[in-house]
N, C-alpha and C. Protein backbone atom coordinates (compact mmCIF):
# COMPACT_ATOMS: atom_id res chain seq x y z
N MET A 1 13.38 -2.92 6.55
CA MET A 1 13.41 -2.52 8.04
C MET A 1 11.35 -3.56 7.52
N PHE A 2 10.95 -4.07 8.86
CA PHE A 2 9.61 -4.25 8.82
C PHE A 2 8.48 -3.49 9.29
N PHE A 3 7.81 -3.18 9.11
CA PHE A 3 6.75 -2.41 9.59
C PHE A 3 5.57 -3.20 10.60
N SER A 4 4.98 -2.67 11.77
CA SER A 4 4.10 -3.41 11.67
C SER A 4 2.44 -3.73 11.07
N LYS A 5 1.97 -4.23 11.69
CA LYS A 5 0.29 -4.74 10.93
C LYS A 5 -0.52 -3.26 11.52
N SER A 6 -0.19 -2.66 12.73
CA SER A 6 -1.02 -1.79 13.38
C SER A 6 -0.53 -0.38 12.20
N PHE A 7 0.82 -0.62 11.81
CA PHE A 7 1.11 0.79 11.16
C PHE A 7 0.68 0.90 9.52
N GLY A 8 0.58 -0.56 9.11
CA GLY A 8 0.03 -0.45 8.06
C GLY A 8 -1.59 -0.18 8.15
N TYR A 9 -2.12 -0.98 9.19
CA TYR A 9 -3.39 -1.04 9.12
C TYR A 9 -4.26 1.06 9.27
N ALA A 10 -3.44 1.32 9.79
CA ALA A 10 -3.46 3.10 10.41
C ALA A 10 -2.97 3.87 8.84
N LEU A 11 -2.41 3.60 7.98
CA LEU A 11 -1.85 3.95 7.11
C LEU A 11 -2.95 3.81 6.05
N ARG A 12 -2.99 2.61 5.96
CA ARG A 12 -4.18 2.07 5.41
C ARG A 12 -5.64 3.31 5.39
N GLY A 13 -5.69 3.23 6.27
CA GLY A 13 -6.70 3.52 6.96
C GLY A 13 -7.25 4.98 6.94
N ILE A 14 -6.20 6.01 6.92
CA ILE A 14 -5.84 7.20 6.76
C ILE A 14 -6.28 7.69 5.59
N LEU A 15 -5.25 6.42 4.58
CA LEU A 15 -5.53 7.01 3.30
C LEU A 15 -7.24 6.90 2.69
N PHE A 16 -7.51 5.99 3.12
CA PHE A 16 -8.78 5.96 2.52
C PHE A 16 -9.73 6.88 2.84
N ILE A 17 -9.95 7.13 4.06
CA ILE A 17 -10.92 8.38 5.11
C ILE A 17 -10.38 9.57 4.26
N ALA A 18 -9.24 9.85 3.23
CA ALA A 18 -8.60 10.76 3.26
C ALA A 18 -8.78 11.25 1.35
N LEU A 19 -9.05 10.03 0.97
CA LEU A 19 -9.60 9.95 -0.27
C LEU A 19 -10.76 9.90 -0.99
N GLU A 20 -11.61 8.92 0.19
CA GLU A 20 -13.40 8.48 0.09
C GLU A 20 -13.82 9.90 0.65
N GLY A 21 -13.49 10.21 2.31
CA GLY A 21 -14.01 11.26 2.84
C GLY A 21 -14.01 12.37 2.23
N LYS A 22 -12.92 13.09 1.73
CA LYS A 22 -12.61 13.99 1.38
C LYS A 22 -12.80 15.29 1.69
N GLY A 23 -12.31 15.17 3.43
CA GLY A 23 -12.73 15.72 4.83
C GLY A 23 -14.51 16.53 4.26
N GLU A 24 -14.87 15.53 3.92
CA GLU A 24 -16.59 16.77 3.90
C GLU A 24 -17.54 15.16 4.37
N ARG A 25 -16.87 13.87 4.77
CA ARG A 25 -18.36 13.06 5.30
C ARG A 25 -17.59 12.25 6.10
N ASN A 26 -18.35 11.41 7.55
CA ASN A 26 -17.91 10.81 8.33
C ASN A 26 -17.78 9.67 7.77
N LEU A 27 -16.54 8.70 8.05
CA LEU A 27 -16.66 7.40 7.73
C LEU A 27 -16.79 6.55 8.74
N GLN A 28 -17.79 5.42 8.74
CA GLN A 28 -17.70 4.72 10.19
C GLN A 28 -16.73 3.62 9.98
N VAL A 29 -16.29 3.25 11.15
CA VAL A 29 -15.30 1.85 10.79
C VAL A 29 -15.59 0.84 9.82
N GLU A 30 -16.89 0.74 9.54
CA GLU A 30 -17.35 -0.81 9.37
C GLU A 30 -17.33 -0.72 8.09
N GLU A 31 -17.52 0.77 7.26
CA GLU A 31 -17.45 0.91 5.89
C GLU A 31 -15.57 0.70 5.07
N ILE A 32 -14.96 1.24 6.35
CA ILE A 32 -13.45 1.05 5.85
C ILE A 32 -12.77 -0.03 6.45
N ALA A 33 -13.35 -0.42 7.03
CA ALA A 33 -12.31 -2.57 7.08
C ALA A 33 -13.00 -3.01 6.07
N LYS A 34 -14.42 -2.64 5.68
CA LYS A 34 -14.32 -3.15 4.52
C LYS A 34 -13.91 -3.34 3.26
N LYS A 35 -14.29 -2.23 3.39
CA LYS A 35 -13.05 -1.74 2.12
C LYS A 35 -11.82 -2.42 1.52
N ILE A 36 -11.05 -1.68 2.72
CA ILE A 36 -9.78 -1.91 2.67
C ILE A 36 -9.11 -3.29 2.92
N SER A 37 -10.35 -4.38 3.56
CA SER A 37 -9.97 -5.96 3.45
C SER A 37 -9.27 -6.10 5.02
N VAL A 38 -9.43 -5.26 6.47
CA VAL A 38 -8.46 -5.40 7.26
C VAL A 38 -9.88 -5.92 8.81
N PRO A 39 -9.21 -6.72 9.93
CA PRO A 39 -10.48 -6.79 10.75
C PRO A 39 -10.86 -5.74 11.23
N GLN A 40 -12.29 -5.16 11.54
CA GLN A 40 -12.80 -3.88 11.92
C GLN A 40 -12.60 -3.61 13.41
N HIS A 41 -12.31 -4.58 14.05
CA HIS A 41 -12.05 -4.52 15.21
C HIS A 41 -10.89 -3.73 15.76
N PHE A 42 -9.86 -4.23 15.11
CA PHE A 42 -8.18 -4.58 14.92
C PHE A 42 -8.53 -2.40 14.45
N LEU A 43 -8.94 -1.97 13.53
CA LEU A 43 -8.66 -1.09 13.13
C LEU A 43 -9.65 -0.07 13.14
N ALA A 44 -10.50 -0.67 14.27
CA ALA A 44 -10.86 0.08 15.41
C ALA A 44 -10.62 0.89 16.48
N LYS A 45 -9.46 -0.21 16.81
CA LYS A 45 -8.32 0.47 17.63
C LYS A 45 -7.36 1.37 17.65
N VAL A 46 -7.18 1.10 16.37
CA VAL A 46 -5.43 1.55 15.45
C VAL A 46 -6.48 3.10 15.22
N LEU A 47 -7.53 3.55 14.57
CA LEU A 47 -8.27 4.60 14.05
C LEU A 47 -8.11 5.71 15.40
N LYS A 48 -8.81 4.97 16.87
CA LYS A 48 -9.16 5.34 17.90
C LYS A 48 -7.78 5.90 18.28
N GLN A 49 -6.59 5.26 18.56
CA GLN A 49 -5.19 5.76 18.71
C GLN A 49 -4.74 6.62 17.79
N MET A 50 -5.26 6.38 16.63
CA MET A 50 -5.09 8.02 15.72
C MET A 50 -5.88 9.02 15.94
N ALA A 51 -7.05 9.08 16.35
CA ALA A 51 -7.96 10.17 16.80
C ALA A 51 -7.49 10.89 18.17
N GLN A 52 -6.79 10.24 18.97
CA GLN A 52 -6.15 10.28 20.30
C GLN A 52 -5.22 11.62 20.32
N GLU A 53 -4.78 11.32 19.07
CA GLU A 53 -3.07 11.90 19.06
C GLU A 53 -3.66 12.91 18.42
N GLY A 54 -4.78 12.86 17.52
CA GLY A 54 -4.98 14.61 16.46
C GLY A 54 -4.67 14.25 15.19
N ILE A 55 -4.57 13.01 15.15
CA ILE A 55 -4.03 12.79 13.21
C ILE A 55 -5.29 12.94 12.48
N ILE A 56 -6.60 12.24 12.98
CA ILE A 56 -7.39 12.70 12.49
C ILE A 56 -8.86 13.04 13.35
N GLN A 57 -9.72 13.09 13.40
CA GLN A 57 -11.01 13.75 13.30
C GLN A 57 -11.93 12.55 13.83
N SER A 58 -12.63 12.33 15.51
CA SER A 58 -13.51 11.53 15.36
C SER A 58 -14.93 11.95 16.02
N VAL A 59 -15.67 11.28 15.63
CA VAL A 59 -16.87 12.30 15.65
C VAL A 59 -17.74 11.29 16.20
N LYS A 60 -18.67 10.72 17.39
CA LYS A 60 -19.47 10.32 18.03
C LYS A 60 -20.57 10.07 17.46
N GLY A 61 -21.30 9.13 17.72
CA GLY A 61 -22.86 9.28 17.25
C GLY A 61 -23.55 8.71 16.96
N PRO A 62 -24.75 8.06 16.05
CA PRO A 62 -25.18 7.40 14.92
C PRO A 62 -24.82 8.14 13.78
N TYR A 63 -24.40 9.21 13.35
CA TYR A 63 -23.98 9.90 12.25
C TYR A 63 -22.68 10.12 12.26
N GLY A 64 -21.87 9.29 13.09
CA GLY A 64 -20.35 9.35 13.13
C GLY A 64 -19.33 8.65 12.89
N GLY A 65 -18.31 9.02 12.89
CA GLY A 65 -17.35 8.48 12.38
C GLY A 65 -15.73 8.75 12.35
N PHE A 66 -14.98 8.87 10.97
CA PHE A 66 -13.50 9.34 10.95
C PHE A 66 -13.61 10.39 9.75
N ILE A 67 -12.87 11.65 9.84
CA ILE A 67 -12.91 12.15 8.89
C ILE A 67 -10.95 12.85 9.06
N ALA A 68 -10.61 13.07 7.64
CA ALA A 68 -9.56 13.68 7.86
C ALA A 68 -9.73 15.16 7.42
N THR A 69 -8.52 15.84 8.56
CA THR A 69 -8.27 17.52 8.27
C THR A 69 -7.14 17.37 7.96
N LYS A 70 -6.92 19.20 7.80
CA LYS A 70 -5.86 19.19 7.54
C LYS A 70 -4.35 18.84 8.26
N LYS A 71 -4.78 18.93 9.55
CA LYS A 71 -3.61 18.02 10.00
C LYS A 71 -3.31 16.73 9.78
N THR A 72 -4.38 16.27 9.32
CA THR A 72 -4.40 14.62 8.77
C THR A 72 -2.72 14.82 7.66
N MET A 73 -3.39 15.87 6.59
CA MET A 73 -3.10 15.77 5.40
C MET A 73 -1.34 16.06 5.65
N ASP A 74 -0.90 16.91 6.78
CA ASP A 74 0.27 17.37 7.13
C ASP A 74 1.05 16.42 7.79
N THR A 75 0.47 15.09 8.27
CA THR A 75 1.22 14.52 8.82
C THR A 75 2.72 13.66 8.35
N LYS A 76 3.26 13.93 8.99
CA LYS A 76 4.50 13.07 8.43
C LYS A 76 4.24 11.55 8.40
N LEU A 77 4.50 10.32 7.72
CA LEU A 77 4.48 9.22 8.08
C LEU A 77 5.53 8.37 9.27
N ILE A 78 6.76 9.32 9.74
CA ILE A 78 7.47 9.41 10.54
C ILE A 78 6.75 9.03 11.80
N ARG A 79 5.95 10.00 11.96
CA ARG A 79 4.34 10.49 12.95
C ARG A 79 3.68 9.27 13.14
N LEU A 80 3.61 8.56 12.19
CA LEU A 80 2.34 7.34 12.00
C LEU A 80 2.90 6.20 12.78
N PHE A 81 4.18 6.02 12.13
CA PHE A 81 5.45 4.85 13.17
C PHE A 81 5.64 4.96 14.61
N GLU A 82 5.68 6.57 14.69
CA GLU A 82 6.34 6.56 16.36
C GLU A 82 4.54 6.20 16.85
N VAL A 83 3.46 6.50 16.61
CA VAL A 83 2.49 6.48 17.01
C VAL A 83 2.03 4.71 17.03
N THR A 84 2.29 4.16 15.98
CA THR A 84 1.55 2.82 16.38
C THR A 84 2.95 1.56 16.86
N ASP A 85 4.01 2.17 16.78
CA ASP A 85 4.70 1.21 16.85
C ASP A 85 5.54 1.72 18.47
């Protein structure tokens, strides 16, 4: 079975947000993309989609970004797959 780039980027992005942010600070897409070596604009679209589905939380504004919640940690991989593919 092959997985899409969207799924891979979503998984890597969410893992980075969960581990690096630890639910305490917002991580901006620029920082995430740089650290996990993926295209920033593509990652932004994927993370926005994850936020719209309620998998991660998005905060707007100059100090905004993405943050992991308890729901993030409870989300099954099959749900990420369904949302991205």
